[in-house]
C-alpha atoms as a PDB file:
ATOM      1  CA  MET A   1       0.024   1.996 -11.819  1.00  0.00           C
ATOM      2  CA  ALA A   2       2.871   4.329 -10.998  1.00  0.00           C
ATOM      3  CA  SER A   3       5.618   2.770  -8.951  1.00  0.00           C
ATOM      4  CA  GLU A   4       6.686   6.138  -7.463  1.00  0.00           C
ATOM      5  CA  HIS A   5       3.449   7.411  -6.005  1.00  0.00           C
ATOM      6  CA  TRP A   6       4.508   9.415  -2.972  1.00  0.00           C
ATOM      7  CA  LYS A   7       4.434  13.066  -1.990  1.00  0.00           C
ATOM      8  CA  ASP A   8       7.563  14.611  -0.554  1.00  0.00           C
ATOM      9  CA  GLU A   9       5.892  15.778   2.658  1.00  0.00           C
ATOM     10  CA  PRO A  10       3.127  14.392   4.885  1.00  0.00           C
ATOM     11  CA  GLU A  11      -0.203  16.212   4.797  1.00  0.00           C
ATOM     12  CA  ALA A  12      -1.143  18.497   7.695  1.00  0.00           C
ATOM     13  CA  GLN A  13      -3.972  16.195   8.845  1.00  0.00           C
ATOM     14  CA  ASP A  14      -1.583  13.232   9.179  1.00  0.00           C
ATOM     15  CA  TYR A  15      -0.070  14.588  12.395  1.00  0.00           C
ATOM     16  CA  PRO A  16      -3.333  14.916  14.381  1.00  0.00           C
ATOM     17  CA  ALA A  17      -4.295  11.436  13.126  1.00  0.00           C
ATOM     18  CA  ALA A  18      -0.948  10.093  14.380  1.00  0.00           C
ATOM     19  CA  ARG A  19      -1.419  11.860  17.707  1.00  0.00           C
ATOM     20  CA  SER A  20      -4.890  10.396  18.120  1.00  0.00           C
ATOM     21  CA  TYR A  21      -3.664   6.872  17.395  1.00  0.00           C
ATOM     22  CA  LEU A  22      -0.587   7.211  19.600  1.00  0.00           C
ATOM     23  CA  SER A  23      -2.732   8.477  22.498  1.00  0.00           C
ATOM     24  CA  LEU A  24      -4.248   4.980  22.589  1.00  0.00           C
ATOM     25  CA  LEU A  25      -0.786   3.518  23.194  1.00  0.00           C
ATOM     26  CA  VAL A  26       0.856   6.081  25.474  1.00  0.00           C
ATOM     27  CA  ASP A  27      -0.147   8.982  27.676  1.00  0.00           C
ATOM     28  CA  PRO A  28      -1.723  11.779  25.577  1.00  0.00           C
ATOM     29  CA  SER A  29       1.097  14.191  26.495  1.00  0.00           C
ATOM     30  CA  GLU A  30       3.652  11.684  25.188  1.00  0.00           C
ATOM     31  CA  ALA A  31       1.558  11.159  22.042  1.00  0.00           C
ATOM     32  CA  LYS A  32       1.572  14.921  21.501  1.00  0.00           C
ATOM     33  CA  LYS A  33       5.385  15.020  21.846  1.00  0.00           C
ATOM     34  CA  ALA A  34       5.801  12.144  19.384  1.00  0.00           C
ATOM     35  CA  ALA A  35       3.468  13.770  16.831  1.00  0.00           C
ATOM     36  CA  LYS A  36       5.373  17.048  17.184  1.00  0.00           C
ATOM     37  CA  ALA A  37       8.681  15.217  16.731  1.00  0.00           C
ATOM     38  CA  LEU A  38       7.303  13.629  13.551  1.00  0.00           C
ATOM     39  CA  ALA A  39       6.245  17.051  12.265  1.00  0.00           C
ATOM     40  CA  ASP A  40       9.596  18.627  13.154  1.00  0.00           C
ATOM     41  CA  ASP A  41      11.694  15.860  11.574  1.00  0.00           C
ATOM     42  CA  PRO A  42      12.993  17.321   8.311  1.00  0.00           C
ATOM     43  CA  ASP A  43      14.531  14.108   7.018  1.00  0.00           C
ATOM     44  CA  ALA A  44      12.593  11.306   5.404  1.00  0.00           C
ATOM     45  CA  ALA A  45      13.754   7.719   5.605  1.00  0.00           C
ATOM     46  CA  ARG A  46      12.690   5.087   3.081  1.00  0.00           C
ATOM     47  CA  TYR A  47      11.649   1.524   3.908  1.00  0.00           C
ATOM     48  CA  GLN A  48      10.068  -1.278   1.907  1.00  0.00           C
ATOM     49  CA  ALA A  49       6.386  -1.982   2.552  1.00  0.00           C
ATOM     50  CA  LYS A  50       7.101  -5.611   3.419  1.00  0.00           C
ATOM     51  CA  ASP A  51       9.639  -4.551   6.055  1.00  0.00           C
ATOM     52  CA  ILE A  52       7.294  -1.991   7.622  1.00  0.00           C
ATOM     53  CA  LEU A  53       4.529  -4.576   7.944  1.00  0.00           C
ATOM     54  CA  ARG A  54       6.917  -7.175   9.338  1.00  0.00           C
ATOM     55  CA  ALA A  55       8.477  -4.790  11.899  1.00  0.00           C
ATOM     56  CA  ALA A  56       5.031  -3.633  13.003  1.00  0.00           C
ATOM     57  CA  GLY A  57       3.653  -7.166  13.169  1.00  0.00           C
ATOM     58  CA  LEU A  58       0.692  -6.045  11.066  1.00  0.00           C
ATOM     59  CA  PRO A  59      -1.094  -8.141   8.474  1.00  0.00           C
ATOM     60  CA  LEU A  60      -1.303  -7.103   4.850  1.00  0.00           C
ATOM     61  CA  LEU A  61      -4.816  -5.784   4.304  1.00  0.00           C
ATOM     62  CA  PRO A  62      -6.561  -7.161   1.201  1.00  0.00           C
ATOM     63  CA  LEU A  63      -7.175  -5.296  -2.028  1.00  0.00           C
ATOM     64  CA  ASP A  64     -10.880  -5.032  -1.200  1.00  0.00           C
ATOM     65  CA  ASP A  65     -10.326  -3.287   2.130  1.00  0.00           C
ATOM     66  CA  PRO A  66     -12.174   0.035   1.604  1.00  0.00           C
ATOM     67  CA  GLU A  67      -9.260   2.281   2.620  1.00  0.00           C
ATOM     68  CA  VAL A  68      -6.683   0.254   0.685  1.00  0.00           C
ATOM     69  CA  ALA A  69      -8.938   0.323  -2.387  1.00  0.00           C
ATOM     70  CA  LYS A  70      -9.345   4.087  -1.985  1.00  0.00           C
ATOM     71  CA  ASP A  71      -5.570   4.599  -1.862  1.00  0.00           C
ATOM     72  CA  LEU A  72      -5.045   2.331  -4.877  1.00  0.00           C
ATOM     73  CA  ALA A  73      -7.657   4.331  -6.806  1.00  0.00           C
ATOM     74  CA  LYS A  74      -5.804   7.540  -5.924  1.00  0.00           C
ATOM     75  CA  VAL A  75      -2.543   6.131  -7.288  1.00  0.00           C
ATOM     76  CA  LYS A  76      -4.273   4.893 -10.439  1.00  0.00           C
ATOM     77  CA  ALA A  77      -5.684   8.401 -10.943  1.00  0.00           C
ATOM     78  CA  GLY A  78      -2.193   9.882 -10.577  1.00  0.00           C
ATOM     79  CA  THR A  79      -2.652  11.281  -7.064  1.00  0.00           C
ATOM     80  CA  LYS A  80       0.391  10.869  -4.869  1.00  0.00           C
ATOM     81  CA  LEU A  81       0.062   9.477  -1.342  1.00  0.00           C
ATOM     82  CA  SER A  82       1.322  11.064   1.838  1.00  0.00           C
ATOM     83  CA  PRO A  83       4.471   9.602   3.443  1.00  0.00           C
ATOM     84  CA  VAL A  84       4.001   7.272   6.400  1.00  0.00           C
ATOM     85  CA  LEU A  85       4.558   8.271  10.033  1.00  0.00           C
ATOM     86  CA  LEU A  86       6.377   5.682  12.155  1.00  0.00           C
ATOM     87  CA  VAL A  87       7.483   5.323  15.758  1.00  0.00           C
ATOM     88  CA  ARG A  88      10.518   3.107  16.257  1.00  0.00           C
ATOM     89  CA  GLY A  89      10.272   0.292  18.782  1.00  0.00           C
ATOM     90  CA  ASP A  90       9.420  -3.363  19.142  1.00  0.00           C
ATOM     91  CA  PRO A  91       6.996  -3.549  17.589  1.00  0.00           C
ATOM     92  CA  LEU A  92       7.201  -0.625  15.213  1.00  0.00           C
ATOM     93  CA  TRP A  93       4.131   1.616  15.470  1.00  0.00           C
ATOM     94  CA  VAL A  94       2.564   2.861  12.241  1.00  0.00           C
ATOM     95  CA  ALA A  95       1.254   6.122  13.678  1.00  0.00           C
ATOM     96  CA  ASP A  96      -0.343   7.091  10.360  1.00  0.00           C
ATOM     97  CA  GLY A  97      -0.368   5.361   6.985  1.00  0.00           C
ATOM     98  CA  TYR A  98      -1.132   1.666   7.556  1.00  0.00           C
ATOM     99  CA  HIS A  99      -3.574   1.566   4.635  1.00  0.00           C
ATOM    100  CA  ARG A 100      -1.095   3.414   2.417  1.00  0.00           C
ATOM    101  CA  VAL A 101       1.597   0.859   3.275  1.00  0.00           C
ATOM    102  CA  CYS A 102      -0.768  -1.974   2.332  1.00  0.00           C
ATOM    103  CA  ALA A 103      -1.767  -0.262  -0.914  1.00  0.00           C
ATOM    104  CA  SER A 104       1.883   0.247  -1.811  1.00  0.00           C
ATOM    105  CA  TYR A 105       2.650  -3.405  -1.031  1.00  0.00           C
ATOM    106  CA  HIS A 106      -0.019  -4.459  -3.533  1.00  0.00           C
ATOM    107  CA  ILE A 107       1.619  -2.240  -6.169  1.00  0.00           C
ATOM    108  CA  ASP A 108       5.208  -3.336  -5.437  1.00  0.00           C
ATOM    109  CA  GLU A 109       6.249  -4.912  -2.139  1.00  0.00           C
ATOM    110  CA  ASP A 110       9.868  -3.953  -2.765  1.00  0.00           C
ATOM    111  CA  ALA A 111       9.259  -0.287  -3.539  1.00  0.00           C
ATOM    112  CA  GLU A 112      10.565   2.034  -0.865  1.00  0.00           C
ATOM    113  CA  ILE A 113       8.064   4.176   0.998  1.00  0.00           C
ATOM    114  CA  PRO A 114       9.059   7.610   2.287  1.00  0.00           C
ATOM    115  CA  CYS A 115       8.571   7.768   6.045  1.00  0.00           C
ATOM    116  CA  ARG A 116       9.106  10.017   8.977  1.00  0.00           C
ATOM    117  CA  ILE A 117      10.346   7.990  11.941  1.00  0.00           C
ATOM    118  CA  VAL A 118      11.013   8.982  15.543  1.00  0.00           C
ATOM    119  CA  ALA A 119      11.977   7.168  18.736  1.00  0.00           C
ATOM    120  CA  ARG A 120       9.276   5.706  20.934  1.00  0.00           C
ATOM    121  CA  PRO A 121       8.153   8.115  23.660  1.00  0.00           C
ATOM    122  CA  ARG A 122       8.919   7.168  27.225  1.00  0.00           C
ATOM    123  CA  SER A 123       5.756   6.738  29.254  1.00  0.00           C
END
């Protein structure tokens, strides 16, 4: 499988997905602001999959997880994955892309993943 399997820009549907997830953690108006900040951020940072999972306190999903398997199949077929959307804090919030992080970890835990990252909204 390709080690560099990432698009340059997140897909349009990633931002509403991030907003929906974030609205479970903070007030919906704050989630909207965070999603907009992610969309407006022109710079991408890069972090290793193992570090993202560790900072978020999330477990590595197995290869047979349906969404992880779907992302791995995309990479195998040559389709690039969308960058991950993160919200900085303790713990780190993976606003969109948890399954993509896990898929990338299974390919190469040390490979750097392109991310958009913003500060945690104040609620």
